[in-house]
Amino acid sequence: MTNTNQPIRRALVSVFHKEGIEVLAEAFVKAGTEVVSTGSTAKKLAELGVKVTEVSDVTGFPECLDGRVKTLHPKVHGALLARRDSEQHMQEAAQHGIKLIDLVVVNLYEFEKTVANPEVTFADAIEHIDIGGPSMLRSAAKNAASVTVISDPAAYDAVLAEMRETGGCTTLSTRRRLQVKVYQTTAACDTAISRWLAAQASDVADT
């Protein structure tokens, strides 16, 4: 059975909003947390003294298609979705070289802010539809029995405080609360995208 308190040994961090990242970096360095990251987030964490492994080094596959594909890989999503209480899952993870991830810190592109600009082009708006971010959030949240997922920088301090109190762990109640926040976040994001696209489709139909 999955432990109520889950230790944080390995983290995946990919954030659009960098505020508060210094707090995370300090905690990772002190705890010796293994950190996997992408792009500008990896660069920022490295500047703050964190030893970072690029996602491409984990997956063995480079970022491609102008950054549209970075984290969509079994070695990322398998590491998030594998059930710790399933012998089969643990065997398959070991068989495929999937190293488990305990903490995901991801926040999303600012789609609503992007389309609020009256000068925005359709193509630019489309590029601000986040794919990898929501996918990682949803995978991690689905496995909240074992994985801690932070989708809002406002939660950093509380989660890190709990980890200090529990010797580097998070409690199930915290993970469940963060799980709810993830699905609220991704639902709001999808709603904003669908409404904007519907408006564009209406404009096309009327021309």
C-alpha atoms as a PDB file:
ATOM      1  CA  MET A   1       0.000   0.000   0.000  1.00  0.00           C
ATOM      2  CA  THR A   2       1.250   3.522  -0.839  1.00  0.00           C
ATOM      3  CA  ASN A   3       2.668   5.418   2.143  1.00  0.00           C
ATOM      4  CA  THR A   4       0.675   8.468   3.231  1.00  0.00           C
ATOM      5  CA  ASN A   5       3.877  10.503   3.409  1.00  0.00           C
ATOM      6  CA  GLN A   6       5.780  10.407   0.126  1.00  0.00           C
ATOM      7  CA  PRO A   7       9.476  11.386   0.038  1.00  0.00           C
ATOM      8  CA  ILE A   8      10.607  13.806  -2.667  1.00  0.00           C
ATOM      9  CA  ARG A   9      13.787  12.448  -4.245  1.00  0.00           C
ATOM     10  CA  ARG A  10      13.385  13.440  -7.886  1.00  0.00           C
ATOM     11  CA  ALA A  11      11.640  16.487  -9.327  1.00  0.00           C
ATOM     12  CA  LEU A  12      10.579  17.652 -12.776  1.00  0.00           C
ATOM     13  CA  VAL A  13      10.425  21.435 -13.151  1.00  0.00           C
ATOM     14  CA  SER A  14       9.234  23.346 -16.219  1.00  0.00           C
ATOM     15  CA  VAL A  15       7.734  26.758 -15.503  1.00  0.00           C
ATOM     16  CA  PHE A  16       6.612  29.651 -17.679  1.00  0.00           C
ATOM     17  CA  HIS A  17       6.383  31.928 -14.631  1.00  0.00           C
ATOM     18  CA  LYS A  18       9.759  32.022 -12.898  1.00  0.00           C
ATOM     19  CA  GLU A  19       8.692  33.837  -9.719  1.00  0.00           C
ATOM     20  CA  GLY A  20       9.627  31.912  -6.583  1.00  0.00           C
ATOM     21  CA  ILE A  21      12.042  29.648  -8.422  1.00  0.00           C
ATOM     22  CA  GLU A  22      14.837  30.812  -6.110  1.00  0.00           C
ATOM     23  CA  VAL A  23      12.969  29.266  -3.173  1.00  0.00           C
ATOM     24  CA  LEU A  24      12.675  25.968  -5.024  1.00  0.00           C
ATOM     25  CA  ALA A  25      16.331  26.029  -6.041  1.00  0.00           C
ATOM     26  CA  GLU A  26      17.496  26.568  -2.468  1.00  0.00           C
ATOM     27  CA  ALA A  27      15.343  23.679  -1.247  1.00  0.00           C
ATOM     28  CA  PHE A  28      16.582  21.370  -3.994  1.00  0.00           C
ATOM     29  CA  VAL A  29      20.238  22.156  -3.246  1.00  0.00           C
ATOM     30  CA  LYS A  30      19.806  21.631   0.501  1.00  0.00           C
ATOM     31  CA  ALA A  31      17.936  18.356   0.074  1.00  0.00           C
ATOM     32  CA  GLY A  32      20.108  17.014  -2.729  1.00  0.00           C
ATOM     33  CA  THR A  33      17.009  16.536  -4.865  1.00  0.00           C
ATOM     34  CA  GLU A  34      17.630  15.230  -8.377  1.00  0.00           C
ATOM     35  CA  VAL A  35      16.129  17.748 -10.787  1.00  0.00           C
ATOM     36  CA  VAL A  36      15.023  17.239 -14.392  1.00  0.00           C
ATOM     37  CA  SER A  37      14.104  20.340 -16.358  1.00  0.00           C
ATOM     38  CA  THR A  38      13.680  21.980 -19.755  1.00  0.00           C
ATOM     39  CA  GLY A  39      14.872  25.038 -21.647  1.00  0.00           C
ATOM     40  CA  SER A  40      14.916  28.357 -19.845  1.00  0.00           C
ATOM     41  CA  THR A  41      13.845  26.743 -16.568  1.00  0.00           C
ATOM     42  CA  ALA A  42      16.866  24.437 -16.616  1.00  0.00           C
ATOM     43  CA  LYS A  43      19.133  27.390 -17.363  1.00  0.00           C
ATOM     44  CA  LYS A  44      17.704  29.448 -14.500  1.00  0.00           C
ATOM     45  CA  LEU A  45      17.964  26.590 -11.999  1.00  0.00           C
ATOM     46  CA  ALA A  46      21.565  25.935 -13.043  1.00  0.00           C
ATOM     47  CA  GLU A  47      22.373  29.617 -12.500  1.00  0.00           C
ATOM     48  CA  LEU A  48      20.978  29.232  -8.972  1.00  0.00           C
ATOM     49  CA  GLY A  49      23.321  26.341  -8.221  1.00  0.00           C
ATOM     50  CA  VAL A  50      21.037  23.395  -8.915  1.00  0.00           C
ATOM     51  CA  LYS A  51      22.503  20.385 -10.694  1.00  0.00           C
ATOM     52  CA  VAL A  52      20.011  19.886 -13.520  1.00  0.00           C
ATOM     53  CA  THR A  53      19.485  17.067 -15.993  1.00  0.00           C
ATOM     54  CA  GLU A  54      17.891  18.134 -19.280  1.00  0.00           C
ATOM     55  CA  VAL A  55      14.747  16.250 -20.266  1.00  0.00           C
ATOM     56  CA  SER A  56      16.389  15.338 -23.580  1.00  0.00           C
ATOM     57  CA  ASP A  57      19.105  13.503 -21.634  1.00  0.00           C
ATOM     58  CA  VAL A  58      16.406  11.506 -19.863  1.00  0.00           C
ATOM     59  CA  THR A  59      14.382  10.662 -22.961  1.00  0.00           C
ATOM     60  CA  GLY A  60      17.324  10.261 -25.329  1.00  0.00           C
ATOM     61  CA  PHE A  61      15.367  12.360 -27.812  1.00  0.00           C
ATOM     62  CA  PRO A  62      15.970  16.031 -28.645  1.00  0.00           C
ATOM     63  CA  GLU A  63      13.463  18.840 -28.355  1.00  0.00           C
ATOM     64  CA  CYS A  64      11.937  19.220 -31.805  1.00  0.00           C
ATOM     65  CA  LEU A  65       9.290  20.867 -33.983  1.00  0.00           C
ATOM     66  CA  ASP A  66      10.110  24.375 -32.717  1.00  0.00           C
ATOM     67  CA  GLY A  67       9.717  23.213 -29.120  1.00  0.00           C
ATOM     68  CA  ARG A  68       6.286  21.689 -29.637  1.00  0.00           C
ATOM     69  CA  VAL A  69       7.630  18.311 -28.520  1.00  0.00           C
ATOM     70  CA  LYS A  70       9.865  18.204 -25.448  1.00  0.00           C
ATOM     71  CA  THR A  71       8.302  16.155 -22.666  1.00  0.00           C
ATOM     72  CA  LEU A  72       5.821  13.910 -24.493  1.00  0.00           C
ATOM     73  CA  HIS A  73       7.710  10.690 -23.892  1.00  0.00           C
ATOM     74  CA  PRO A  74       7.191   7.445 -21.887  1.00  0.00           C
ATOM     75  CA  LYS A  75      10.264   8.156 -19.751  1.00  0.00           C
ATOM     76  CA  VAL A  76       8.517  11.307 -18.572  1.00  0.00           C
ATOM     77  CA  HIS A  77       4.886  10.218 -18.370  1.00  0.00           C
ATOM     78  CA  GLY A  78       5.712   6.684 -17.268  1.00  0.00           C
ATOM     79  CA  ALA A  79       7.736   8.214 -14.440  1.00  0.00           C
ATOM     80  CA  LEU A  80       4.668  10.223 -13.397  1.00  0.00           C
ATOM     81  CA  LEU A  81       1.951   7.621 -13.875  1.00  0.00           C
ATOM     82  CA  ALA A  82       3.591   4.465 -12.514  1.00  0.00           C
ATOM     83  CA  ARG A  83       1.799   3.236  -9.398  1.00  0.00           C
ATOM     84  CA  ARG A  84       4.227   2.638  -6.567  1.00  0.00           C
ATOM     85  CA  ASP A  85       1.923   0.005  -5.054  1.00  0.00           C
ATOM     86  CA  SER A  86       1.794  -2.044  -8.283  1.00  0.00           C
ATOM     87  CA  GLU A  87       4.463  -4.701  -8.636  1.00  0.00           C
ATOM     88  CA  GLN A  88       3.716  -4.873 -12.366  1.00  0.00           C
ATOM     89  CA  HIS A  89       4.193  -1.116 -12.796  1.00  0.00           C
ATOM     90  CA  MET A  90       7.457  -1.178 -10.880  1.00  0.00           C
ATOM     91  CA  GLN A  91       8.733  -4.108 -12.936  1.00  0.00           C
ATOM     92  CA  GLU A  92       7.798  -2.415 -16.212  1.00  0.00           C
ATOM     93  CA  ALA A  93       9.391   0.853 -15.130  1.00  0.00           C
ATOM     94  CA  ALA A  94      12.626  -0.982 -14.328  1.00  0.00           C
ATOM     95  CA  GLN A  95      12.455  -2.943 -17.585  1.00  0.00           C
ATOM     96  CA  HIS A  96      12.132   0.227 -19.674  1.00  0.00           C
ATOM     97  CA  GLY A  97      14.607   2.325 -17.698  1.00  0.00           C
ATOM     98  CA  ILE A  98      11.915   4.628 -16.337  1.00  0.00           C
ATOM     99  CA  LYS A  99      13.109   6.433 -13.223  1.00  0.00           C
ATOM    100  CA  LEU A 100      10.235   7.626 -11.046  1.00  0.00           C
ATOM    101  CA  ILE A 101       9.446  11.315 -10.499  1.00  0.00           C
ATOM    102  CA  ASP A 102       8.070  12.370  -7.106  1.00  0.00           C
ATOM    103  CA  LEU A 103       7.452  16.083  -7.636  1.00  0.00           C
ATOM    104  CA  VAL A 104       6.233  18.024 -10.665  1.00  0.00           C
ATOM    105  CA  VAL A 105       6.378  21.813 -10.759  1.00  0.00           C
ATOM    106  CA  VAL A 106       4.738  23.166 -13.913  1.00  0.00           C
ATOM    107  CA  ASN A 107       2.823  26.298 -14.799  1.00  0.00           C
ATOM    108  CA  LEU A 108       1.311  27.128 -18.143  1.00  0.00           C
ATOM    109  CA  TYR A 109       1.634  29.571 -21.026  1.00  0.00           C
ATOM    110  CA  GLU A 110      -0.451  32.724 -20.644  1.00  0.00           C
ATOM    111  CA  PHE A 111      -3.016  32.002 -23.358  1.00  0.00           C
ATOM    112  CA  GLU A 112      -5.625  34.486 -22.117  1.00  0.00           C
ATOM    113  CA  LYS A 113      -3.070  37.288 -21.830  1.00  0.00           C
ATOM    114  CA  THR A 114      -1.805  36.479 -25.313  1.00  0.00           C
ATOM    115  CA  VAL A 115      -5.210  36.646 -26.995  1.00  0.00           C
ATOM    116  CA  ALA A 116      -6.183  39.769 -25.046  1.00  0.00           C
ATOM    117  CA  ASN A 117      -3.722  41.640 -27.254  1.00  0.00           C
ATOM    118  CA  PRO A 118      -5.780  43.032 -30.180  1.00  0.00           C
ATOM    119  CA  GLU A 119      -2.738  42.697 -32.427  1.00  0.00           C
ATOM    120  CA  VAL A 120      -2.288  38.969 -31.795  1.00  0.00           C
ATOM    121  CA  THR A 121      -2.240  36.774 -34.879  1.00  0.00           C
ATOM    122  CA  PHE A 122      -4.070  33.468 -35.098  1.00  0.00           C
ATOM    123  CA  ALA A 123      -0.752  31.653 -35.572  1.00  0.00           C
ATOM    124  CA  ASP A 124       0.782  33.227 -32.463  1.00  0.00           C
ATOM    125  CA  ALA A 125      -2.273  32.386 -30.388  1.00  0.00           C
ATOM    126  CA  ILE A 126      -2.105  28.770 -31.528  1.00  0.00           C
ATOM    127  CA  GLU A 127       1.548  28.559 -30.452  1.00  0.00           C
ATOM    128  CA  HIS A 128       0.464  29.658 -26.955  1.00  0.00           C
ATOM    129  CA  ILE A 129      -1.756  26.597 -26.573  1.00  0.00           C
ATOM    130  CA  ASP A 130       0.267  24.608 -24.070  1.00  0.00           C
ATOM    131  CA  ILE A 131       0.419  20.859 -24.719  1.00  0.00           C
ATOM    132  CA  GLY A 132       3.294  19.465 -22.700  1.00  0.00           C
ATOM    133  CA  GLY A 133       2.495  21.465 -19.563  1.00  0.00           C
ATOM    134  CA  PRO A 134      -1.113  20.325 -19.095  1.00  0.00           C
ATOM    135  CA  SER A 135      -0.116  16.779 -20.045  1.00  0.00           C
ATOM    136  CA  MET A 136       2.509  16.645 -17.289  1.00  0.00           C
ATOM    137  CA  LEU A 137       0.156  18.247 -14.774  1.00  0.00           C
ATOM    138  CA  ARG A 138      -2.643  15.824 -15.536  1.00  0.00           C
ATOM    139  CA  SER A 139      -0.400  12.753 -15.449  1.00  0.00           C
ATOM    140  CA  ALA A 140       1.091  13.776 -12.111  1.00  0.00           C
ATOM    141  CA  ALA A 141      -2.295  14.687 -10.642  1.00  0.00           C
ATOM    142  CA  LYS A 142      -3.787  11.361 -11.697  1.00  0.00           C
ATOM    143  CA  ASN A 143      -1.106   9.696  -9.589  1.00  0.00           C
ATOM    144  CA  ALA A 144      -1.452  12.003  -6.575  1.00  0.00           C
ATOM    145  CA  ALA A 145      -1.329   8.960  -4.311  1.00  0.00           C
ATOM    146  CA  SER A 146       2.431   9.134  -4.860  1.00  0.00           C
ATOM    147  CA  VAL A 147       3.261  12.269  -6.859  1.00  0.00           C
ATOM    148  CA  THR A 148       3.203  15.852  -5.630  1.00  0.00           C
ATOM    149  CA  VAL A 149       2.240  18.364  -8.309  1.00  0.00           C
ATOM    150  CA  ILE A 150       2.456  22.152  -8.019  1.00  0.00           C
ATOM    151  CA  SER A 151       0.714  24.200 -10.711  1.00  0.00           C
ATOM    152  CA  ASP A 152       0.798  27.579  -8.920  1.00  0.00           C
ATOM    153  CA  PRO A 153       3.903  29.353  -7.537  1.00  0.00           C
ATOM    154  CA  ALA A 154       1.762  30.519  -4.610  1.00  0.00           C
ATOM    155  CA  ALA A 155       1.922  26.948  -3.254  1.00  0.00           C
ATOM    156  CA  TYR A 156       5.728  26.717  -3.127  1.00  0.00           C
ATOM    157  CA  ASP A 157       6.195  27.987   0.414  1.00  0.00           C
ATOM    158  CA  ALA A 158       3.529  25.769   1.987  1.00  0.00           C
ATOM    159  CA  VAL A 159       4.752  22.610   0.249  1.00  0.00           C
ATOM    160  CA  LEU A 160       8.381  23.293   1.116  1.00  0.00           C
ATOM    161  CA  ALA A 161       7.430  24.037   4.730  1.00  0.00           C
ATOM    162  CA  GLU A 162       5.654  20.689   4.951  1.00  0.00           C
ATOM    163  CA  MET A 163       8.686  18.942   3.486  1.00  0.00           C
ATOM    164  CA  ARG A 164      10.904  20.520   6.145  1.00  0.00           C
ATOM    165  CA  GLU A 165       8.517  19.341   8.872  1.00  0.00           C
ATOM    166  CA  THR A 166       8.277  15.776   7.542  1.00  0.00           C
ATOM    167  CA  GLY A 167      11.894  15.138   6.623  1.00  0.00           C
ATOM    168  CA  GLY A 168      11.474  15.731   2.908  1.00  0.00           C
ATOM    169  CA  CYS A 169       7.994  14.288   2.378  1.00  0.00           C
ATOM    170  CA  THR A 170       4.528  15.508   1.465  1.00  0.00           C
ATOM    171  CA  THR A 171       1.323  14.295   3.048  1.00  0.00           C
ATOM    172  CA  LEU A 172      -1.529  12.686   1.161  1.00  0.00           C
ATOM    173  CA  SER A 173      -3.906  15.507   2.143  1.00  0.00           C
ATOM    174  CA  THR A 174      -1.562  18.048   0.566  1.00  0.00           C
ATOM    175  CA  ARG A 175      -1.206  15.991  -2.604  1.00  0.00           C
ATOM    176  CA  ARG A 176      -4.984  15.660  -2.880  1.00  0.00           C
ATOM    177  CA  ARG A 177      -5.433  19.408  -2.465  1.00  0.00           C
ATOM    178  CA  LEU A 178      -2.836  20.083  -5.153  1.00  0.00           C
ATOM    179  CA  GLN A 179      -4.519  17.487  -7.372  1.00  0.00           C
ATOM    180  CA  VAL A 180      -7.766  19.447  -7.297  1.00  0.00           C
ATOM    181  CA  LYS A 181      -5.930  22.666  -8.163  1.00  0.00           C
ATOM    182  CA  VAL A 182      -4.390  21.032 -11.229  1.00  0.00           C
ATOM    183  CA  TYR A 183      -7.696  20.020 -12.751  1.00  0.00           C
ATOM    184  CA  GLN A 184      -9.196  23.429 -11.968  1.00  0.00           C
ATOM    185  CA  THR A 185      -6.233  25.011 -13.739  1.00  0.00           C
ATOM    186  CA  THR A 186      -6.324  22.817 -16.828  1.00  0.00           C
ATOM    187  CA  ALA A 187     -10.113  23.122 -17.073  1.00  0.00           C
ATOM    188  CA  ALA A 188      -9.902  26.923 -16.973  1.00  0.00           C
ATOM    189  CA  CYS A 189      -7.174  26.866 -19.595  1.00  0.00           C
ATOM    190  CA  ASP A 190      -9.141  24.617 -21.932  1.00  0.00           C
ATOM    191  CA  THR A 191     -12.262  26.751 -21.446  1.00  0.00           C
ATOM    192  CA  ALA A 192     -10.370  29.905 -22.421  1.00  0.00           C
ATOM    193  CA  ILE A 193      -8.935  28.213 -25.505  1.00  0.00           C
ATOM    194  CA  SER A 194     -12.246  26.734 -26.643  1.00  0.00           C
ATOM    195  CA  ARG A 195     -14.084  30.045 -26.223  1.00  0.00           C
ATOM    196  CA  TRP A 196     -11.452  31.940 -28.191  1.00  0.00           C
ATOM    197  CA  LEU A 197     -11.361  29.347 -30.970  1.00  0.00           C
ATOM    198  CA  ALA A 198     -15.157  29.359 -31.149  1.00  0.00           C
ATOM    199  CA  ALA A 199     -15.094  33.111 -31.633  1.00  0.00           C
ATOM    200  CA  GLN A 200     -12.521  32.772 -34.414  1.00  0.00           C
ATOM    201  CA  ALA A 201     -14.565  30.063 -36.102  1.00  0.00           C
ATOM    202  CA  SER A 202     -17.644  32.299 -35.953  1.00  0.00           C
ATOM    203  CA  ASP A 203     -15.718  35.143 -37.570  1.00  0.00           C
ATOM    204  CA  VAL A 204     -14.596  32.842 -40.387  1.00  0.00           C
ATOM    205  CA  ALA A 205     -18.154  31.587 -40.925  1.00  0.00           C
ATOM    206  CA  ASP A 206     -19.436  35.164 -41.174  1.00  0.00           C
ATOM    207  CA  THR A 207     -16.940  36.248 -43.840  1.00  0.00           C
END
